[in-house]
Structures are given as C-alpha cells and as structure tokens.
Protein backbone atom coordinates (compact mmCIF):
# COMPACT_ATOMS: atom_id res chain seq x y z
CA UNK A 1 2.64 53.43 -66.85
CA UNK A 2 5.73 52.43 -68.82
CA UNK A 3 8.98 51.44 -67.17
CA UNK A 4 12.30 51.93 -68.94
CA UNK A 5 14.42 48.83 -69.13
CA UNK A 6 17.40 47.49 -71.01
CA UNK A 7 17.16 45.58 -74.29
CA UNK A 8 19.00 42.31 -74.81
CA UNK A 9 21.84 42.43 -77.32
CA UNK A 10 20.21 39.66 -79.41
CA UNK A 11 17.26 41.98 -80.08
CA UNK A 12 19.36 44.87 -81.40
CA UNK A 13 19.26 45.35 -85.18
CA UNK A 14 21.79 47.20 -87.34
CA UNK A 15 20.55 50.11 -89.47
CA UNK A 16 21.12 49.73 -93.23
CA UNK A 17 21.45 53.09 -94.99
CA UNK A 18 20.52 51.61 -98.39
CA UNK A 19 17.32 49.96 -97.10
CA UNK A 20 16.69 52.90 -94.69
CA UNK A 21 15.55 50.60 -91.87
CA UNK A 22 16.85 48.10 -89.30
CA UNK A 23 17.83 44.79 -90.88
CA UNK A 24 19.28 41.41 -90.03
CA UNK A 25 22.94 41.02 -90.87
CA UNK A 26 25.30 38.28 -91.86
CA UNK A 27 29.07 37.98 -92.02
CA UNK A 28 31.18 37.23 -95.04
CA UNK A 29 34.88 37.23 -95.85
CA UNK A 30 36.04 39.50 -98.66
CA UNK A 31 38.67 38.50 -101.21
CA UNK A 32 41.35 40.34 -99.19
CA UNK A 33 40.53 38.20 -96.11
CA UNK A 34 38.67 40.93 -94.19
CA UNK A 35 35.47 39.93 -92.32
CA UNK A 36 32.56 42.33 -92.86
CA UNK A 37 28.87 42.56 -91.97
CA UNK A 38 26.33 42.69 -94.77
CA UNK A 39 22.61 43.39 -95.05
CA UNK A 40 20.67 40.21 -95.74
CA UNK A 41 17.99 42.12 -97.70
CA UNK A 42 20.10 44.10 -100.15
CA UNK A 43 23.51 42.35 -99.76
CA UNK A 44 25.18 45.75 -99.10
CA UNK A 45 28.33 45.78 -96.93
CA UNK A 46 27.72 47.66 -93.66
CA UNK A 47 30.74 49.64 -92.43
CA UNK A 48 31.28 50.54 -88.80
C-alpha cells in the first residue's frame, strides 16, 4: 500500500526544456542586473 505525502521543497527540481528532464539550477546576474535561474547541465537560462 502506498500513502500519498508531501515532498520537501529542497527535493523539487526544475524542468529544463532544452535538456528535456529535471535538472539542478543555479543563479546568475545578467549584464542588465537581472537575476535569473540557469540549468547547470546546458547553461540555458530558465524563464518562469
């Protein structure tokens, strides 16, 4: 028997459309000063 339960926010992964799978992300600041998330595998910026 399986019981549904919540998942901790630290275990949630963002989906990268270029890699087509869940990936770890990082944050970087663009030249215009805007903070964005990026895929650590392909270095692609991930928009919200």
